[in-house]
Amino acid sequence: MSRHKKSRSGASRNQRLADQIQQDLAKLIQRELDVSRAGLITLTGVELSVDYAHARVYFTVLGASPEAASEALNEKAGWLHSQLYKMLHIHTVPRLQFAHDEQMARSFEMDRLIDHANRPGVRADDEVPPAPEDPGEVRG
C-alpha cells in the first residue's frame, strides 16, 4: 500500500514541477523572444521524464510558422535552461526540447471545418476553403 502512495506522490511531484517549469518558461519566453521572428508563443504543456533529466515543452504559435517558433525556442533552450536552474532551486533541471502542439493545431482545424459546415447555405458537397497560412488570420 505505501508503494502505491509513493508512486502517486512521485507522479504529483512530477506534475507540480512540470507546471512550475511551464509557468517560469512562459514568463521568460514572453520577455526574451522576439515576437516578430518567433510569433506569439503559448506553452500548452510540459512532459517530464521520470528522472527529471528531459522536458518536452509543447507550444502553439500565432503570427509565425511552427518551424520558425521551434527554431527560435530551441536556439534559446540552453539559456532558458540556465535561467530555470536559477529560478527552480532543484538539483536536476531538465534539458529542454520544444515541440509544436500538433493536437492543438488539429483541434483548431476541426473547429474551422465545423464552422464552415454550419454556415447557412453550405451543402455537403461544397468544397471547404483552405485554412489560412497564419492561424491568427480570420477568413470570412
C-alpha atoms as a PDB file:
ATOM      1  CA  MET A   1       0.000   0.000   0.000  1.00  0.00           C
ATOM      2  CA  SER A   2       2.753   2.501   0.844  1.00  0.00           C
ATOM      3  CA  ARG A   3       4.398   1.723  -2.507  1.00  0.00           C
ATOM      4  CA  HIS A   4       1.226   2.797  -4.298  1.00  0.00           C
ATOM      5  CA  LYS A   5       1.098   6.053  -2.346  1.00  0.00           C
ATOM      6  CA  LYS A   6       4.740   6.722  -3.121  1.00  0.00           C
ATOM      7  CA  SER A   7       4.171   6.354  -6.861  1.00  0.00           C
ATOM      8  CA  ARG A   8       1.187   8.708  -6.707  1.00  0.00           C
ATOM      9  CA  SER A   9       3.150  11.292  -4.756  1.00  0.00           C
ATOM     10  CA  GLY A  10       6.010  10.920  -7.251  1.00  0.00           C
ATOM     11  CA  ALA A  11       3.572  11.490 -10.085  1.00  0.00           C
ATOM     12  CA  SER A  12       2.095  14.533  -8.379  1.00  0.00           C
ATOM     13  CA  ARG A  13       5.599  15.937  -7.747  1.00  0.00           C
ATOM     14  CA  ASN A  14       6.395  15.371 -11.421  1.00  0.00           C
ATOM     15  CA  GLN A  15       3.214  17.243 -12.414  1.00  0.00           C
ATOM     16  CA  ARG A  16       3.865  20.107  -9.978  1.00  0.00           C
ATOM     17  CA  LEU A  17       7.387  20.506 -11.329  1.00  0.00           C
ATOM     18  CA  ALA A  18       6.134  20.339 -14.930  1.00  0.00           C
ATOM     19  CA  ASP A  19       3.542  23.036 -14.145  1.00  0.00           C
ATOM     20  CA  GLN A  20       6.180  25.237 -12.488  1.00  0.00           C
ATOM     21  CA  ILE A  21       8.528  24.831 -15.455  1.00  0.00           C
ATOM     22  CA  GLN A  22       5.689  25.773 -17.806  1.00  0.00           C
ATOM     23  CA  GLN A  23       4.881  28.936 -15.810  1.00  0.00           C
ATOM     24  CA  ASP A  24       8.512  30.019 -15.493  1.00  0.00           C
ATOM     25  CA  LEU A  25       9.289  29.335 -19.153  1.00  0.00           C
ATOM     26  CA  ALA A  26       6.195  31.264 -20.253  1.00  0.00           C
ATOM     27  CA  LYS A  27       7.458  34.342 -18.382  1.00  0.00           C
ATOM     28  CA  LEU A  28      10.971  34.005 -19.771  1.00  0.00           C
ATOM     29  CA  ILE A  29       9.783  33.463 -23.339  1.00  0.00           C
ATOM     30  CA  GLN A  30       7.444  36.440 -23.168  1.00  0.00           C
ATOM     31  CA  ARG A  31      10.330  38.657 -22.019  1.00  0.00           C
ATOM     32  CA  GLU A  32      13.169  37.300 -24.140  1.00  0.00           C
ATOM     33  CA  LEU A  33      11.930  36.082 -27.532  1.00  0.00           C
ATOM     34  CA  ASP A  34      11.435  38.439 -30.457  1.00  0.00           C
ATOM     35  CA  VAL A  35       7.743  38.211 -31.359  1.00  0.00           C
ATOM     36  CA  SER A  36       8.414  39.494 -34.881  1.00  0.00           C
ATOM     37  CA  ARG A  37      10.577  36.420 -35.518  1.00  0.00           C
ATOM     38  CA  ALA A  38       9.067  33.711 -33.316  1.00  0.00           C
ATOM     39  CA  GLY A  39       5.431  34.837 -33.214  1.00  0.00           C
ATOM     40  CA  LEU A  40       3.223  34.856 -30.156  1.00  0.00           C
ATOM     41  CA  ILE A  41       4.045  31.604 -28.378  1.00  0.00           C
ATOM     42  CA  THR A  42       1.738  29.896 -25.899  1.00  0.00           C
ATOM     43  CA  LEU A  43       3.002  26.936 -23.910  1.00  0.00           C
ATOM     44  CA  THR A  44       0.379  24.193 -23.753  1.00  0.00           C
ATOM     45  CA  GLY A  45       2.145  21.592 -21.629  1.00  0.00           C
ATOM     46  CA  VAL A  46       5.362  20.095 -20.300  1.00  0.00           C
ATOM     47  CA  GLU A  47       6.170  16.382 -20.116  1.00  0.00           C
ATOM     48  CA  LEU A  48       8.998  15.444 -17.757  1.00  0.00           C
ATOM     49  CA  SER A  49      10.982  12.238 -17.836  1.00  0.00           C
ATOM     50  CA  VAL A  50      10.828  10.182 -14.647  1.00  0.00           C
ATOM     51  CA  ASP A  51      14.386  11.210 -13.698  1.00  0.00           C
ATOM     52  CA  TYR A  52      13.664  14.910 -14.496  1.00  0.00           C
ATOM     53  CA  ALA A  53      16.573  14.930 -16.961  1.00  0.00           C
ATOM     54  CA  HIS A  54      14.453  15.831 -20.003  1.00  0.00           C
ATOM     55  CA  ALA A  55      11.425  18.013 -20.598  1.00  0.00           C
ATOM     56  CA  ARG A  56       9.385  18.160 -23.774  1.00  0.00           C
ATOM     57  CA  VAL A  57       7.703  21.554 -23.892  1.00  0.00           C
ATOM     58  CA  TYR A  58       4.649  21.834 -26.161  1.00  0.00           C
ATOM     59  CA  PHE A  59       3.628  25.145 -27.712  1.00  0.00           C
ATOM     60  CA  THR A  60       1.273  26.798 -30.171  1.00  0.00           C
ATOM     61  CA  VAL A  61       2.100  29.934 -32.116  1.00  0.00           C
ATOM     62  CA  LEU A  62       0.297  32.817 -33.803  1.00  0.00           C
ATOM     63  CA  GLY A  63       1.965  35.170 -36.254  1.00  0.00           C
ATOM     64  CA  ALA A  64       4.775  32.820 -37.317  1.00  0.00           C
ATOM     65  CA  SER A  65       5.209  29.306 -38.615  1.00  0.00           C
ATOM     66  CA  PRO A  66       5.617  26.494 -36.101  1.00  0.00           C
ATOM     67  CA  GLU A  67       9.047  25.834 -37.641  1.00  0.00           C
ATOM     68  CA  ALA A  68      10.234  29.435 -37.069  1.00  0.00           C
ATOM     69  CA  ALA A  69       8.966  29.378 -33.479  1.00  0.00           C
ATOM     70  CA  SER A  70      10.546  25.983 -32.806  1.00  0.00           C
ATOM     71  CA  GLU A  71      13.862  27.155 -34.227  1.00  0.00           C
ATOM     72  CA  ALA A  72      13.822  30.304 -32.056  1.00  0.00           C
ATOM     73  CA  LEU A  73      12.887  28.317 -28.938  1.00  0.00           C
ATOM     74  CA  ASN A  74      15.472  25.616 -29.482  1.00  0.00           C
ATOM     75  CA  GLU A  75      18.177  28.238 -30.132  1.00  0.00           C
ATOM     76  CA  LYS A  76      17.382  29.708 -26.696  1.00  0.00           C
ATOM     77  CA  ALA A  77      16.963  26.319 -24.957  1.00  0.00           C
ATOM     78  CA  GLY A  78      20.383  26.410 -23.280  1.00  0.00           C
ATOM     79  CA  TRP A  79      19.862  29.928 -21.986  1.00  0.00           C
ATOM     80  CA  LEU A  80      16.319  29.082 -20.822  1.00  0.00           C
ATOM     81  CA  HIS A  81      17.725  26.019 -19.039  1.00  0.00           C
ATOM     82  CA  SER A  82      20.265  28.166 -17.179  1.00  0.00           C
ATOM     83  CA  GLN A  83      17.536  30.620 -16.142  1.00  0.00           C
ATOM     84  CA  LEU A  84      15.348  27.770 -14.885  1.00  0.00           C
ATOM     85  CA  TYR A  85      18.295  26.487 -12.850  1.00  0.00           C
ATOM     86  CA  LYS A  86      18.450  29.856 -11.072  1.00  0.00           C
ATOM     87  CA  MET A  87      14.678  30.020 -10.567  1.00  0.00           C
ATOM     88  CA  LEU A  88      13.798  26.465  -9.507  1.00  0.00           C
ATOM     89  CA  HIS A  89      16.499  25.661  -6.947  1.00  0.00           C
ATOM     90  CA  ILE A  90      16.441  21.940  -7.694  1.00  0.00           C
ATOM     91  CA  HIS A  91      19.325  19.537  -8.209  1.00  0.00           C
ATOM     92  CA  THR A  92      18.393  18.419 -11.728  1.00  0.00           C
ATOM     93  CA  VAL A  93      16.928  20.916 -14.161  1.00  0.00           C
ATOM     94  CA  PRO A  94      15.726  19.109 -17.272  1.00  0.00           C
ATOM     95  CA  ARG A  95      17.200  19.582 -20.725  1.00  0.00           C
ATOM     96  CA  LEU A  96      14.540  21.368 -22.781  1.00  0.00           C
ATOM     97  CA  GLN A  97      13.152  20.231 -26.105  1.00  0.00           C
ATOM     98  CA  PHE A  98      10.386  22.271 -27.730  1.00  0.00           C
ATOM     99  CA  ALA A  99       7.701  20.707 -29.915  1.00  0.00           C
ATOM    100  CA  HIS A 100       4.747  22.245 -31.725  1.00  0.00           C
ATOM    101  CA  ASP A 101       1.483  21.006 -30.206  1.00  0.00           C
ATOM    102  CA  GLU A 102       0.004  19.184 -33.201  1.00  0.00           C
ATOM    103  CA  GLN A 103      -3.041  18.092 -31.202  1.00  0.00           C
ATOM    104  CA  MET A 104      -3.988  21.727 -30.637  1.00  0.00           C
ATOM    105  CA  ALA A 105      -3.457  22.505 -34.341  1.00  0.00           C
ATOM    106  CA  ARG A 106      -5.742  19.597 -35.305  1.00  0.00           C
ATOM    107  CA  SER A 107      -8.348  20.892 -32.862  1.00  0.00           C
ATOM    108  CA  PHE A 108      -8.258  24.350 -34.494  1.00  0.00           C
ATOM    109  CA  GLU A 109      -8.646  22.734 -37.931  1.00  0.00           C
ATOM    110  CA  MET A 110     -11.639  20.664 -36.786  1.00  0.00           C
ATOM    111  CA  ASP A 111     -13.266  23.809 -35.350  1.00  0.00           C
ATOM    112  CA  ARG A 112     -12.722  25.574 -38.683  1.00  0.00           C
ATOM    113  CA  LEU A 113     -14.301  22.697 -40.628  1.00  0.00           C
ATOM    114  CA  ILE A 114     -17.284  22.532 -38.272  1.00  0.00           C
ATOM    115  CA  ASP A 115     -17.799  26.302 -38.517  1.00  0.00           C
ATOM    116  CA  HIS A 116     -17.743  26.043 -42.321  1.00  0.00           C
ATOM    117  CA  ALA A 117     -20.220  23.140 -42.345  1.00  0.00           C
ATOM    118  CA  ASN A 118     -22.620  25.033 -40.062  1.00  0.00           C
ATOM    119  CA  ARG A 119     -22.778  28.142 -42.249  1.00  0.00           C
ATOM    120  CA  PRO A 120     -26.167  28.831 -43.837  1.00  0.00           C
ATOM    121  CA  GLY A 121     -26.328  27.702 -47.458  1.00  0.00           C
ATOM    122  CA  VAL A 122     -23.383  25.293 -47.243  1.00  0.00           C
ATOM    123  CA  ARG A 123     -24.128  21.930 -48.843  1.00  0.00           C
ATOM    124  CA  ALA A 124     -22.389  18.651 -48.036  1.00  0.00           C
ATOM    125  CA  ASP A 125     -20.683  18.559 -51.447  1.00  0.00           C
ATOM    126  CA  ASP A 126     -19.328  22.152 -51.209  1.00  0.00           C
ATOM    127  CA  GLU A 127     -15.572  22.443 -51.228  1.00  0.00           C
ATOM    128  CA  VAL A 128     -14.046  23.607 -47.945  1.00  0.00           C
ATOM    129  CA  PRO A 129     -11.773  26.622 -48.435  1.00  0.00           C
ATOM    130  CA  PRO A 130      -8.134  26.093 -47.414  1.00  0.00           C
ATOM    131  CA  ALA A 131      -7.025  27.108 -43.959  1.00  0.00           C
ATOM    132  CA  PRO A 132      -5.278  30.467 -43.705  1.00  0.00           C
ATOM    133  CA  GLU A 133      -1.460  30.303 -43.596  1.00  0.00           C
ATOM    134  CA  ASP A 134      -1.454  32.214 -40.313  1.00  0.00           C
ATOM    135  CA  PRO A 135      -3.808  30.618 -37.729  1.00  0.00           C
ATOM    136  CA  GLY A 136      -4.421  34.112 -36.352  1.00  0.00           C
ATOM    137  CA  GLU A 137      -5.816  35.218 -39.705  1.00  0.00           C
ATOM    138  CA  VAL A 138      -9.593  35.203 -39.934  1.00  0.00           C
ATOM    139  CA  ARG A 139     -11.403  34.287 -43.128  1.00  0.00           C
ATOM    140  CA  GLY A 140     -14.975  35.260 -43.742  1.00  0.00           C
END
